[in-house]
Amino acid sequence: MNTSSHPFETLTPDFILDAIEAQGFLSDGRILALNSYENRVYQVGIEDEVPIIAKFYRPGRWSDAQILEEHQFCYELEEQELSVVTPLKNSQGESLLRYQDFRLALFPRRGGRAPDLDNPDHLYQLGNTLGRMHQVGAAKPFIERPALDLASFGYNSIELIARDFMPASLREAYLSLTRDLMQKIEEAFHRFDDIKSIRVHGDCHGGNLLWRDDLAHFVDFDDARMAPAMQDLWMLLSENERHLRELQLAEVLAGYQEFADFDPRELHLVEPLRTLRMLHYSAWLARRWEDPAFPLSFPWFNTERYWGEHILQLREQLSALQEPVLRVL
């Protein structure tokens, strides 16, 4: 691998086809890059068969054991007849594959569209599916994969941004604001420090949820980790007015509690988790800025305007952290 360029630059069409055919597939030469930045994901045509999805893991992000633990979680969910897209296994029963310096996994192609989060039936079904998923996730912990914690999502993100990215003219305002934010977040997490962490999907945004045949289907468990159940629930709620969020929450929890108990104390974590995701997202972009795909795809990042708007959003979150928690209607 050429160390003078980014590792993903190795993934030329010929390289991708060679990697797929090395796993025993005969490709028809069609490759479609899919919307993925952390890893590289492609739809690859297979001769006289349906295409498959090839995921090339970002070098250095996860250990083999962490990837295999993610795969095993998916297989456990599939065994319980949950609709998740699980990695294909080769003739040796392996799901984590290798080609030259890359690790990859292959998946069957699954179609669908994003669910309508304004539709009560969709919210109920999503809650229902997550309740079943969390029932499996609570059965045992991850051993290798990380937990969602205040250090990795909060403090480490703030330190990186303040040190290497935040303009000097905004740095003191950012540090003062994030100190206040982290104080509020710590208070929320420590208020009920016995809230259980379970294995969760970890990234339940619309791009990882597919709606097909009136059922919810989950893809991409790359961010699976130990976290409170609320981590998979709060992203189903809109950022609009409070009453709408409470109506959405009622539908989600009505479906969820068909299969899993919900600890109402986790309602205190909705805005803290949202804030941590905002801090972590900016740090994620910063950590990946040397990947050529990121400046091309996120040209607005790391500009004076971006950081000014980021601080404004964080100020709004500070207000949100001081509001009463959502009610279950």
C-alpha atoms as a PDB file:
ATOM      1  CA  MET A   1       0.000   0.000   0.000  1.00  0.00           C
ATOM      2  CA  ASN A   2       1.328   3.437  -0.907  1.00  0.00           C
ATOM      3  CA  THR A   3       1.906   5.206   2.409  1.00  0.00           C
ATOM      4  CA  SER A   4       2.331   8.592   0.708  1.00  0.00           C
ATOM      5  CA  SER A   5      -1.389   8.734  -0.124  1.00  0.00           C
ATOM      6  CA  HIS A   6      -4.522   7.945   1.779  1.00  0.00           C
ATOM      7  CA  PRO A   7      -5.166   4.177   2.031  1.00  0.00           C
ATOM      8  CA  PHE A   8      -8.582   4.435   0.395  1.00  0.00           C
ATOM      9  CA  GLU A   9      -6.983   5.803  -2.776  1.00  0.00           C
ATOM     10  CA  THR A  10      -5.920   2.205  -3.407  1.00  0.00           C
ATOM     11  CA  LEU A  11      -9.570   1.304  -4.017  1.00  0.00           C
ATOM     12  CA  THR A  12      -9.614   1.690  -7.792  1.00  0.00           C
ATOM     13  CA  PRO A  13     -12.293  -0.159  -9.796  1.00  0.00           C
ATOM     14  CA  ASP A  14      -9.778  -2.858 -10.773  1.00  0.00           C
ATOM     15  CA  PHE A  15      -8.694  -3.311  -7.160  1.00  0.00           C
ATOM     16  CA  ILE A  16     -12.309  -3.629  -5.976  1.00  0.00           C
ATOM     17  CA  LEU A  17     -13.144  -6.202  -8.650  1.00  0.00           C
ATOM     18  CA  ASP A  18     -10.000  -8.181  -7.852  1.00  0.00           C
ATOM     19  CA  ALA A  19     -10.898  -8.143  -4.158  1.00  0.00           C
ATOM     20  CA  ILE A  20     -14.404  -9.461  -4.853  1.00  0.00           C
ATOM     21  CA  GLU A  21     -13.252 -12.157  -7.256  1.00  0.00           C
ATOM     22  CA  ALA A  22     -10.603 -13.244  -4.739  1.00  0.00           C
ATOM     23  CA  GLN A  23     -13.537 -14.170  -2.479  1.00  0.00           C
ATOM     24  CA  GLY A  24     -14.901 -16.556  -5.101  1.00  0.00           C
ATOM     25  CA  PHE A  25     -17.396 -14.317  -6.920  1.00  0.00           C
ATOM     26  CA  LEU A  26     -17.450 -13.632 -10.653  1.00  0.00           C
ATOM     27  CA  SER A  27     -18.219  -9.972 -11.176  1.00  0.00           C
ATOM     28  CA  ASP A  28     -19.873  -8.525 -14.254  1.00  0.00           C
ATOM     29  CA  GLY A  29     -17.735  -5.398 -13.840  1.00  0.00           C
ATOM     30  CA  ARG A  30     -20.437  -3.032 -12.569  1.00  0.00           C
ATOM     31  CA  ILE A  31     -19.492  -0.974  -9.505  1.00  0.00           C
ATOM     32  CA  LEU A  32     -21.594   1.678  -7.782  1.00  0.00           C
ATOM     33  CA  ALA A  33     -20.095   3.669  -4.899  1.00  0.00           C
ATOM     34  CA  LEU A  34     -22.618   4.033  -2.084  1.00  0.00           C
ATOM     35  CA  ASN A  35     -22.991   6.877   0.374  1.00  0.00           C
ATOM     36  CA  SER A  36     -20.414   6.032   3.039  1.00  0.00           C
ATOM     37  CA  TYR A  37     -17.508   8.048   4.402  1.00  0.00           C
ATOM     38  CA  GLU A  38     -16.201   6.243   7.483  1.00  0.00           C
ATOM     39  CA  ASN A  39     -15.647   3.119   5.398  1.00  0.00           C
ATOM     40  CA  ARG A  40     -15.944   2.598   1.652  1.00  0.00           C
ATOM     41  CA  VAL A  41     -18.986   0.717   0.466  1.00  0.00           C
ATOM     42  CA  TYR A  42     -19.771  -0.423  -3.089  1.00  0.00           C
ATOM     43  CA  GLN A  43     -22.515  -2.281  -4.881  1.00  0.00           C
ATOM     44  CA  VAL A  44     -20.799  -4.806  -7.118  1.00  0.00           C
ATOM     45  CA  GLY A  45     -22.547  -6.628  -9.933  1.00  0.00           C
ATOM     46  CA  ILE A  46     -22.241 -10.420  -9.943  1.00  0.00           C
ATOM     47  CA  GLU A  47     -22.490 -12.457 -13.144  1.00  0.00           C
ATOM     48  CA  ASP A  48     -26.017 -13.925 -13.520  1.00  0.00           C
ATOM     49  CA  GLU A  49     -26.863 -13.101  -9.879  1.00  0.00           C
ATOM     50  CA  VAL A  50     -28.081 -10.147  -7.848  1.00  0.00           C
ATOM     51  CA  PRO A  51     -25.388  -7.608  -6.889  1.00  0.00           C
ATOM     52  CA  ILE A  52     -23.681  -7.756  -3.516  1.00  0.00           C
ATOM     53  CA  ILE A  53     -22.527  -4.976  -1.204  1.00  0.00           C
ATOM     54  CA  ALA A  54     -18.813  -4.798  -0.389  1.00  0.00           C
ATOM     55  CA  LYS A  55     -17.684  -2.869   2.684  1.00  0.00           C
ATOM     56  CA  PHE A  56     -13.977  -2.037   2.949  1.00  0.00           C
ATOM     57  CA  TYR A  57     -13.175  -1.124   6.547  1.00  0.00           C
ATOM     58  CA  ARG A  58     -11.233   2.009   7.355  1.00  0.00           C
ATOM     59  CA  PRO A  59      -7.727   0.859   8.329  1.00  0.00           C
ATOM     60  CA  GLY A  60      -6.935   1.316  11.999  1.00  0.00           C
ATOM     61  CA  ARG A  61     -10.427   2.106  13.240  1.00  0.00           C
ATOM     62  CA  TRP A  62     -11.561  -1.251  14.639  1.00  0.00           C
ATOM     63  CA  SER A  63      -9.638  -4.335  15.668  1.00  0.00           C
ATOM     64  CA  ASP A  64     -10.539  -7.686  14.134  1.00  0.00           C
ATOM     65  CA  ALA A  65     -12.142  -8.694  17.436  1.00  0.00           C
ATOM     66  CA  GLN A  66     -14.316  -5.567  17.468  1.00  0.00           C
ATOM     67  CA  ILE A  67     -15.519  -6.140  13.910  1.00  0.00           C
ATOM     68  CA  LEU A  68     -16.279  -9.788  14.586  1.00  0.00           C
ATOM     69  CA  GLU A  69     -18.226  -8.824  17.703  1.00  0.00           C
ATOM     70  CA  GLU A  70     -20.357  -6.506  15.566  1.00  0.00           C
ATOM     71  CA  HIS A  71     -20.952  -9.333  13.088  1.00  0.00           C
ATOM     72  CA  GLN A  72     -21.897 -11.742  15.877  1.00  0.00           C
ATOM     73  CA  PHE A  73     -24.442  -9.264  17.238  1.00  0.00           C
ATOM     74  CA  CYS A  74     -26.045  -9.084  13.789  1.00  0.00           C
ATOM     75  CA  TYR A  75     -26.225 -12.877  13.576  1.00  0.00           C
ATOM     76  CA  GLU A  76     -27.873 -13.023  17.001  1.00  0.00           C
ATOM     77  CA  LEU A  77     -30.481 -10.525  15.835  1.00  0.00           C
ATOM     78  CA  GLU A  78     -31.063 -12.502  12.648  1.00  0.00           C
ATOM     79  CA  GLU A  79     -31.554 -15.694  14.680  1.00  0.00           C
ATOM     80  CA  GLN A  80     -34.408 -13.915  16.455  1.00  0.00           C
ATOM     81  CA  GLU A  81     -35.943 -13.148  13.037  1.00  0.00           C
ATOM     82  CA  LEU A  82     -35.135  -9.458  13.160  1.00  0.00           C
ATOM     83  CA  SER A  83     -34.627  -7.832   9.785  1.00  0.00           C
ATOM     84  CA  VAL A  84     -30.974  -6.831   9.798  1.00  0.00           C
ATOM     85  CA  VAL A  85     -28.480  -7.118   6.968  1.00  0.00           C
ATOM     86  CA  THR A  86     -25.870  -9.644   8.103  1.00  0.00           C
ATOM     87  CA  PRO A  87     -22.450 -10.281   6.531  1.00  0.00           C
ATOM     88  CA  LEU A  88     -22.121 -13.209   4.143  1.00  0.00           C
ATOM     89  CA  LYS A  89     -19.823 -16.033   5.240  1.00  0.00           C
ATOM     90  CA  ASN A  90     -17.338 -17.790   2.978  1.00  0.00           C
ATOM     91  CA  SER A  91     -16.895 -21.554   2.721  1.00  0.00           C
ATOM     92  CA  GLN A  92     -14.718 -21.497   5.855  1.00  0.00           C
ATOM     93  CA  GLY A  93     -17.471 -19.771   7.827  1.00  0.00           C
ATOM     94  CA  GLU A  94     -15.594 -16.441   7.914  1.00  0.00           C
ATOM     95  CA  SER A  95     -17.388 -13.096   7.726  1.00  0.00           C
ATOM     96  CA  LEU A  96     -14.339 -10.843   8.050  1.00  0.00           C
ATOM     97  CA  LEU A  97     -12.407 -11.184   4.814  1.00  0.00           C
ATOM     98  CA  ARG A  98      -9.058  -9.894   3.610  1.00  0.00           C
ATOM     99  CA  TYR A  99      -7.543  -8.718   0.373  1.00  0.00           C
ATOM    100  CA  GLN A 100      -4.002  -7.345   0.408  1.00  0.00           C
ATOM    101  CA  ASP A 101      -3.924  -4.709   3.185  1.00  0.00           C
ATOM    102  CA  PHE A 102      -7.693  -4.341   3.481  1.00  0.00           C
ATOM    103  CA  ARG A 103     -10.313  -6.025   5.604  1.00  0.00           C
ATOM    104  CA  LEU A 104     -13.765  -6.277   4.062  1.00  0.00           C
ATOM    105  CA  ALA A 105     -17.178  -7.807   4.519  1.00  0.00           C
ATOM    106  CA  LEU A 106     -19.762  -8.720   1.892  1.00  0.00           C
ATOM    107  CA  PHE A 107     -23.501  -8.296   2.322  1.00  0.00           C
ATOM    108  CA  PRO A 108     -26.637  -9.161   0.350  1.00  0.00           C
ATOM    109  CA  ARG A 109     -28.265  -6.161  -1.290  1.00  0.00           C
ATOM    110  CA  ARG A 110     -31.457  -4.997   0.422  1.00  0.00           C
ATOM    111  CA  GLY A 111     -33.691  -2.281  -0.952  1.00  0.00           C
ATOM    112  CA  GLY A 112     -36.044   0.075   0.814  1.00  0.00           C
ATOM    113  CA  ARG A 113     -36.745   3.700   1.558  1.00  0.00           C
ATOM    114  CA  ALA A 114     -36.355   5.866   4.620  1.00  0.00           C
ATOM    115  CA  PRO A 115     -39.222   5.569   7.104  1.00  0.00           C
ATOM    116  CA  ASP A 116     -41.604   8.489   7.538  1.00  0.00           C
ATOM    117  CA  LEU A 117     -40.908   9.695  11.058  1.00  0.00           C
ATOM    118  CA  ASP A 118     -44.051  11.827  10.949  1.00  0.00           C
ATOM    119  CA  ASN A 119     -46.152   8.685  10.442  1.00  0.00           C
ATOM    120  CA  PRO A 120     -47.344   7.229  13.789  1.00  0.00           C
ATOM    121  CA  ASP A 121     -47.516   3.717  12.304  1.00  0.00           C
ATOM    122  CA  HIS A 122     -43.885   3.911  11.206  1.00  0.00           C
ATOM    123  CA  LEU A 123     -42.814   5.181  14.630  1.00  0.00           C
ATOM    124  CA  TYR A 124     -44.709   2.393  16.376  1.00  0.00           C
ATOM    125  CA  GLN A 125     -43.111  -0.227  14.120  1.00  0.00           C
ATOM    126  CA  LEU A 126     -39.637   1.231  14.607  1.00  0.00           C
ATOM    127  CA  GLY A 127     -40.150   1.197  18.362  1.00  0.00           C
ATOM    128  CA  ASN A 128     -41.401  -2.375  18.142  1.00  0.00           C
ATOM    129  CA  THR A 129     -38.317  -3.484  16.220  1.00  0.00           C
ATOM    130  CA  LEU A 130     -35.954  -1.646  18.551  1.00  0.00           C
ATOM    131  CA  GLY A 131     -37.638  -3.249  21.546  1.00  0.00           C
ATOM    132  CA  ARG A 132     -36.919  -6.677  20.090  1.00  0.00           C
ATOM    133  CA  MET A 133     -33.381  -5.623  19.196  1.00  0.00           C
ATOM    134  CA  HIS A 134     -32.686  -4.325  22.686  1.00  0.00           C
ATOM    135  CA  GLN A 135     -34.058  -7.485  24.234  1.00  0.00           C
ATOM    136  CA  VAL A 136     -31.259  -9.306  22.400  1.00  0.00           C
ATOM    137  CA  GLY A 137     -28.758  -6.535  23.123  1.00  0.00           C
ATOM    138  CA  ALA A 138     -29.406  -6.740  26.867  1.00  0.00           C
ATOM    139  CA  ALA A 139     -28.742 -10.483  27.013  1.00  0.00           C
ATOM    140  CA  LYS A 140     -24.977 -10.019  27.274  1.00  0.00           C
ATOM    141  CA  PRO A 141     -22.459  -7.177  26.897  1.00  0.00           C
ATOM    142  CA  PHE A 142     -19.930  -6.344  24.251  1.00  0.00           C
ATOM    143  CA  ILE A 143     -16.455  -7.265  25.469  1.00  0.00           C
ATOM    144  CA  GLU A 144     -14.297  -5.755  22.712  1.00  0.00           C
ATOM    145  CA  ARG A 145     -16.355  -2.859  21.399  1.00  0.00           C
ATOM    146  CA  PRO A 146     -16.327   0.504  23.207  1.00  0.00           C
ATOM    147  CA  ALA A 147     -19.012   2.217  25.262  1.00  0.00           C
ATOM    148  CA  LEU A 148     -20.566   5.591  24.596  1.00  0.00           C
ATOM    149  CA  ASP A 149     -18.977   7.712  27.303  1.00  0.00           C
ATOM    150  CA  LEU A 150     -18.374  11.336  28.171  1.00  0.00           C
ATOM    151  CA  ALA A 151     -14.641  11.098  27.524  1.00  0.00           C
ATOM    152  CA  SER A 152     -14.655   9.759  23.949  1.00  0.00           C
ATOM    153  CA  PHE A 153     -17.743  11.613  22.731  1.00  0.00           C
ATOM    154  CA  GLY A 154     -17.415  14.770  24.792  1.00  0.00           C
ATOM    155  CA  TYR A 155     -14.116  15.769  26.372  1.00  0.00           C
ATOM    156  CA  ASN A 156     -11.819  14.245  23.745  1.00  0.00           C
ATOM    157  CA  SER A 157     -13.858  15.858  20.963  1.00  0.00           C
ATOM    158  CA  ILE A 158     -13.720  19.264  22.620  1.00  0.00           C
ATOM    159  CA  GLU A 159      -9.970  19.015  23.208  1.00  0.00           C
ATOM    160  CA  LEU A 160      -9.267  18.174  19.565  1.00  0.00           C
ATOM    161  CA  ILE A 161     -11.459  20.957  18.166  1.00  0.00           C
ATOM    162  CA  ALA A 162     -10.154  23.607  20.559  1.00  0.00           C
ATOM    163  CA  ARG A 163      -6.516  22.658  19.974  1.00  0.00           C
ATOM    164  CA  ASP A 164      -6.375  22.159  16.214  1.00  0.00           C
ATOM    165  CA  PHE A 165      -9.474  23.557  14.500  1.00  0.00           C
ATOM    166  CA  MET A 166     -11.357  26.283  16.343  1.00  0.00           C
ATOM    167  CA  PRO A 167     -10.335  29.786  15.133  1.00  0.00           C
ATOM    168  CA  ALA A 168      -8.506  31.787  17.808  1.00  0.00           C
ATOM    169  CA  SER A 169     -11.235  34.444  17.731  1.00  0.00           C
ATOM    170  CA  LEU A 170     -13.833  31.862  18.826  1.00  0.00           C
ATOM    171  CA  ARG A 171     -11.745  29.532  20.996  1.00  0.00           C
ATOM    172  CA  GLU A 172     -12.468  31.103  24.382  1.00  0.00           C
ATOM    173  CA  ALA A 173     -16.204  31.294  23.689  1.00  0.00           C
ATOM    174  CA  TYR A 174     -16.150  27.645  22.597  1.00  0.00           C
ATOM    175  CA  LEU A 175     -14.244  26.473  25.670  1.00  0.00           C
ATOM    176  CA  SER A 176     -16.475  28.406  28.051  1.00  0.00           C
ATOM    177  CA  LEU A 177     -19.619  27.099  26.384  1.00  0.00           C
ATOM    178  CA  THR A 178     -18.476  23.489  26.242  1.00  0.00           C
ATOM    179  CA  ARG A 179     -17.495  23.604  29.935  1.00  0.00           C
ATOM    180  CA  ASP A 180     -21.087  24.543  30.738  1.00  0.00           C
ATOM    181  CA  LEU A 181     -22.430  21.885  28.392  1.00  0.00           C
ATOM    182  CA  MET A 182     -20.319  19.104  29.865  1.00  0.00           C
ATOM    183  CA  GLN A 183     -21.303  20.123  33.383  1.00  0.00           C
ATOM    184  CA  LYS A 184     -24.974  19.731  32.466  1.00  0.00           C
ATOM    185  CA  ILE A 185     -24.311  16.441  30.674  1.00  0.00           C
ATOM    186  CA  GLU A 186     -22.367  15.058  33.621  1.00  0.00           C
ATOM    187  CA  GLU A 187     -25.190  16.031  35.973  1.00  0.00           C
ATOM    188  CA  ALA A 188     -27.694  14.194  33.777  1.00  0.00           C
ATOM    189  CA  PHE A 189     -25.611  11.024  33.542  1.00  0.00           C
ATOM    190  CA  HIS A 190     -24.713  10.988  37.232  1.00  0.00           C
ATOM    191  CA  ARG A 191     -28.250  11.719  38.379  1.00  0.00           C
ATOM    192  CA  PHE A 192     -29.098   8.087  37.705  1.00  0.00           C
ATOM    193  CA  ASP A 193     -25.732   6.400  37.438  1.00  0.00           C
ATOM    194  CA  ASP A 194     -27.260   2.931  37.590  1.00  0.00           C
ATOM    195  CA  ILE A 195     -29.010   3.221  34.206  1.00  0.00           C
ATOM    196  CA  LYS A 196     -28.099   0.095  32.302  1.00  0.00           C
ATOM    197  CA  SER A 197     -25.963   0.117  29.167  1.00  0.00           C
ATOM    198  CA  ILE A 198     -26.737  -2.548  26.585  1.00  0.00           C
ATOM    199  CA  ARG A 199     -25.585  -3.461  23.088  1.00  0.00           C
ATOM    200  CA  VAL A 200     -27.221  -0.954  20.743  1.00  0.00           C
ATOM    201  CA  HIS A 201     -27.148  -0.123  17.033  1.00  0.00           C
ATOM    202  CA  GLY A 202     -25.629   3.224  17.954  1.00  0.00           C
ATOM    203  CA  ASP A 203     -26.439   5.225  14.814  1.00  0.00           C
ATOM    204  CA  CYS A 204     -30.190   5.089  14.125  1.00  0.00           C
ATOM    205  CA  HIS A 205     -30.408   7.957  11.649  1.00  0.00           C
ATOM    206  CA  GLY A 206     -32.647   7.742   8.600  1.00  0.00           C
ATOM    207  CA  GLY A 207     -29.895   6.473   6.303  1.00  0.00           C
ATOM    208  CA  ASN A 208     -29.523   3.311   8.382  1.00  0.00           C
ATOM    209  CA  LEU A 209     -33.255   2.580   8.531  1.00  0.00           C
ATOM    210  CA  LEU A 210     -35.069   1.055   5.564  1.00  0.00           C
ATOM    211  CA  TRP A 211     -38.825   0.753   5.172  1.00  0.00           C
ATOM    212  CA  ARG A 212     -39.942  -2.144   3.037  1.00  0.00           C
ATOM    213  CA  ASP A 213     -43.112  -4.262   2.994  1.00  0.00           C
ATOM    214  CA  ASP A 214     -44.484  -2.252   5.950  1.00  0.00           C
ATOM    215  CA  LEU A 215     -41.568  -3.346   8.118  1.00  0.00           C
ATOM    216  CA  ALA A 216     -38.510  -1.603   9.545  1.00  0.00           C
ATOM    217  CA  HIS A 217     -35.125  -2.949   8.473  1.00  0.00           C
ATOM    218  CA  PHE A 218     -31.794  -1.960  10.035  1.00  0.00           C
ATOM    219  CA  VAL A 219     -28.456  -1.727   8.232  1.00  0.00           C
ATOM    220  CA  ASP A 220     -24.872  -0.735   9.113  1.00  0.00           C
ATOM    221  CA  PHE A 221     -24.016  -1.721  12.676  1.00  0.00           C
ATOM    222  CA  ASP A 222     -20.543  -0.176  12.341  1.00  0.00           C
ATOM    223  CA  ASP A 223     -21.179   2.109  15.335  1.00  0.00           C
ATOM    224  CA  ALA A 224     -22.646  -0.601  17.575  1.00  0.00           C
ATOM    225  CA  ARG A 225     -21.465  -0.144  21.158  1.00  0.00           C
ATOM    226  CA  MET A 226     -22.534  -0.286  24.782  1.00  0.00           C
ATOM    227  CA  ALA A 227     -24.906   2.584  25.592  1.00  0.00           C
ATOM    228  CA  PRO A 228     -28.232   3.349  27.241  1.00  0.00           C
ATOM    229  CA  ALA A 229     -31.222   2.182  25.216  1.00  0.00           C
ATOM    230  CA  MET A 230     -32.129   5.837  24.638  1.00  0.00           C
ATOM    231  CA  GLN A 231     -29.199   6.155  22.225  1.00  0.00           C
ATOM    232  CA  ASP A 232     -31.240   4.216  19.644  1.00  0.00           C
ATOM    233  CA  LEU A 233     -34.501   6.014  20.417  1.00  0.00           C
ATOM    234  CA  TRP A 234     -33.835   9.732  20.555  1.00  0.00           C
ATOM    235  CA  MET A 235     -32.834  10.057  16.888  1.00  0.00           C
ATOM    236  CA  LEU A 236     -36.357   8.977  15.896  1.00  0.00           C
ATOM    237  CA  LEU A 237     -37.682  12.221  17.392  1.00  0.00           C
ATOM    238  CA  SER A 238     -37.782  15.413  15.378  1.00  0.00           C
ATOM    239  CA  GLU A 239     -36.117  18.622  16.494  1.00  0.00           C
ATOM    240  CA  ASN A 240     -39.374  20.523  16.104  1.00  0.00           C
ATOM    241  CA  GLU A 241     -41.621  21.786  18.849  1.00  0.00           C
ATOM    242  CA  ARG A 242     -41.797  19.922  22.117  1.00  0.00           C
ATOM    243  CA  HIS A 243     -45.369  18.673  21.869  1.00  0.00           C
ATOM    244  CA  LEU A 244     -44.608  16.960  18.546  1.00  0.00           C
ATOM    245  CA  ARG A 245     -41.584  15.207  20.044  1.00  0.00           C
ATOM    246  CA  GLU A 246     -43.713  13.965  22.921  1.00  0.00           C
ATOM    247  CA  LEU A 247     -46.312  12.582  20.514  1.00  0.00           C
ATOM    248  CA  GLN A 248     -43.571  10.827  18.545  1.00  0.00           C
ATOM    249  CA  LEU A 249     -42.040   9.470  21.739  1.00  0.00           C
ATOM    250  CA  ALA A 250     -45.403   8.049  22.812  1.00  0.00           C
ATOM    251  CA  GLU A 251     -45.707   6.084  19.563  1.00  0.00           C
ATOM    252  CA  VAL A 252     -42.121   4.815  19.701  1.00  0.00           C
ATOM    253  CA  LEU A 253     -42.431   3.663  23.305  1.00  0.00           C
ATOM    254  CA  ALA A 254     -45.825   2.053  22.701  1.00  0.00           C
ATOM    255  CA  GLY A 255     -44.152  -0.218  20.161  1.00  0.00           C
ATOM    256  CA  TYR A 256     -40.947  -0.591  22.160  1.00  0.00           C
ATOM    257  CA  GLN A 257     -42.634  -1.773  25.340  1.00  0.00           C
ATOM    258  CA  GLU A 258     -44.334  -4.632  23.535  1.00  0.00           C
ATOM    259  CA  PHE A 259     -40.977  -6.420  23.816  1.00  0.00           C
ATOM    260  CA  ALA A 260     -38.680  -4.551  26.200  1.00  0.00           C
ATOM    261  CA  ASP A 261     -39.005  -2.613  29.418  1.00  0.00           C
ATOM    262  CA  PHE A 262     -38.211   1.075  29.223  1.00  0.00           C
ATOM    263  CA  ASP A 263     -36.588   2.864  32.132  1.00  0.00           C
ATOM    264  CA  PRO A 264     -38.311   6.297  32.247  1.00  0.00           C
ATOM    265  CA  ARG A 265     -35.225   7.796  33.896  1.00  0.00           C
ATOM    266  CA  GLU A 266     -33.576   7.586  30.467  1.00  0.00           C
ATOM    267  CA  LEU A 267     -35.741  10.498  29.359  1.00  0.00           C
ATOM    268  CA  HIS A 268     -33.187  12.676  31.153  1.00  0.00           C
ATOM    269  CA  LEU A 269     -30.609  11.565  28.578  1.00  0.00           C
ATOM    270  CA  VAL A 270     -32.321  12.715  25.372  1.00  0.00           C
ATOM    271  CA  GLU A 271     -30.708  16.154  25.129  1.00  0.00           C
ATOM    272  CA  PRO A 272     -27.380  15.095  26.692  1.00  0.00           C
ATOM    273  CA  LEU A 273     -27.066  12.357  24.069  1.00  0.00           C
ATOM    274  CA  ARG A 274     -28.008  14.787  21.303  1.00  0.00           C
ATOM    275  CA  THR A 275     -25.346  17.231  22.529  1.00  0.00           C
ATOM    276  CA  LEU A 276     -22.677  14.540  22.704  1.00  0.00           C
ATOM    277  CA  ARG A 277     -23.489  13.530  19.136  1.00  0.00           C
ATOM    278  CA  MET A 278     -23.066  17.131  17.965  1.00  0.00           C
ATOM    279  CA  LEU A 279     -19.680  17.425  19.667  1.00  0.00           C
ATOM    280  CA  HIS A 280     -18.564  14.042  18.374  1.00  0.00           C
ATOM    281  CA  TYR A 281     -19.723  14.759  14.814  1.00  0.00           C
ATOM    282  CA  SER A 282     -17.538  17.853  14.482  1.00  0.00           C
ATOM    283  CA  ALA A 283     -14.583  15.936  15.917  1.00  0.00           C
ATOM    284  CA  TRP A 284     -15.276  13.051  13.534  1.00  0.00           C
ATOM    285  CA  LEU A 285     -15.046  15.416  10.561  1.00  0.00           C
ATOM    286  CA  ALA A 286     -11.858  16.869  12.001  1.00  0.00           C
ATOM    287  CA  ARG A 287     -10.243  13.469  12.533  1.00  0.00           C
ATOM    288  CA  ARG A 288     -11.027  12.456   8.953  1.00  0.00           C
ATOM    289  CA  TRP A 289     -10.023  15.722   7.271  1.00  0.00           C
ATOM    290  CA  GLU A 290      -6.926  14.169   5.683  1.00  0.00           C
ATOM    291  CA  ASP A 291      -9.147  11.670   3.865  1.00  0.00           C
ATOM    292  CA  PRO A 292      -9.582  13.316   0.425  1.00  0.00           C
ATOM    293  CA  ALA A 293     -13.278  12.388   0.369  1.00  0.00           C
ATOM    294  CA  PHE A 294     -14.043  14.657   3.318  1.00  0.00           C
ATOM    295  CA  PRO A 295     -13.003  18.093   1.966  1.00  0.00           C
ATOM    296  CA  LEU A 296     -14.850  17.213  -1.242  1.00  0.00           C
ATOM    297  CA  SER A 297     -18.033  16.104   0.524  1.00  0.00           C
ATOM    298  CA  PHE A 298     -18.036  18.612   3.390  1.00  0.00           C
ATOM    299  CA  PRO A 299     -16.544  21.796   1.883  1.00  0.00           C
ATOM    300  CA  TRP A 300     -18.341  23.949   4.467  1.00  0.00           C
ATOM    301  CA  PHE A 301     -16.464  22.335   7.362  1.00  0.00           C
ATOM    302  CA  ASN A 302     -13.610  24.154   9.130  1.00  0.00           C
ATOM    303  CA  THR A 303     -14.613  27.596   7.942  1.00  0.00           C
ATOM    304  CA  GLU A 304     -15.149  30.607  10.191  1.00  0.00           C
ATOM    305  CA  ARG A 305     -18.833  30.490   9.331  1.00  0.00           C
ATOM    306  CA  TYR A 306     -19.118  26.805  10.210  1.00  0.00           C
ATOM    307  CA  TRP A 307     -17.574  27.284  13.649  1.00  0.00           C
ATOM    308  CA  GLY A 308     -19.732  30.314  14.349  1.00  0.00           C
ATOM    309  CA  GLU A 309     -22.864  28.328  13.500  1.00  0.00           C
ATOM    310  CA  HIS A 310     -21.595  25.361  15.524  1.00  0.00           C
ATOM    311  CA  ILE A 311     -21.230  27.558  18.610  1.00  0.00           C
ATOM    312  CA  LEU A 312     -24.720  28.966  18.032  1.00  0.00           C
ATOM    313  CA  GLN A 313     -26.164  25.442  17.846  1.00  0.00           C
ATOM    314  CA  LEU A 314     -24.343  24.464  21.024  1.00  0.00           C
ATOM    315  CA  ARG A 315     -25.781  27.516  22.785  1.00  0.00           C
ATOM    316  CA  GLU A 316     -29.241  26.341  21.760  1.00  0.00           C
ATOM    317  CA  GLN A 317     -28.383  22.937  23.183  1.00  0.00           C
ATOM    318  CA  LEU A 318     -27.380  24.514  26.478  1.00  0.00           C
ATOM    319  CA  SER A 319     -30.886  25.959  26.657  1.00  0.00           C
ATOM    320  CA  ALA A 320     -32.381  22.592  25.726  1.00  0.00           C
ATOM    321  CA  LEU A 321     -30.402  20.904  28.518  1.00  0.00           C
ATOM    322  CA  GLN A 322     -32.091  23.198  31.031  1.00  0.00           C
ATOM    323  CA  GLU A 323     -35.632  22.464  29.890  1.00  0.00           C
ATOM    324  CA  PRO A 324     -37.861  19.885  31.622  1.00  0.00           C
ATOM    325  CA  VAL A 325     -37.468  16.364  30.253  1.00  0.00           C
ATOM    326  CA  LEU A 326     -39.940  15.042  27.699  1.00  0.00           C
ATOM    327  CA  ARG A 327     -43.133  13.488  29.032  1.00  0.00           C
ATOM    328  CA  VAL A 328     -44.596  10.215  27.875  1.00  0.00           C
ATOM    329  CA  LEU A 329     -48.113  11.166  26.768  1.00  0.00           C
END
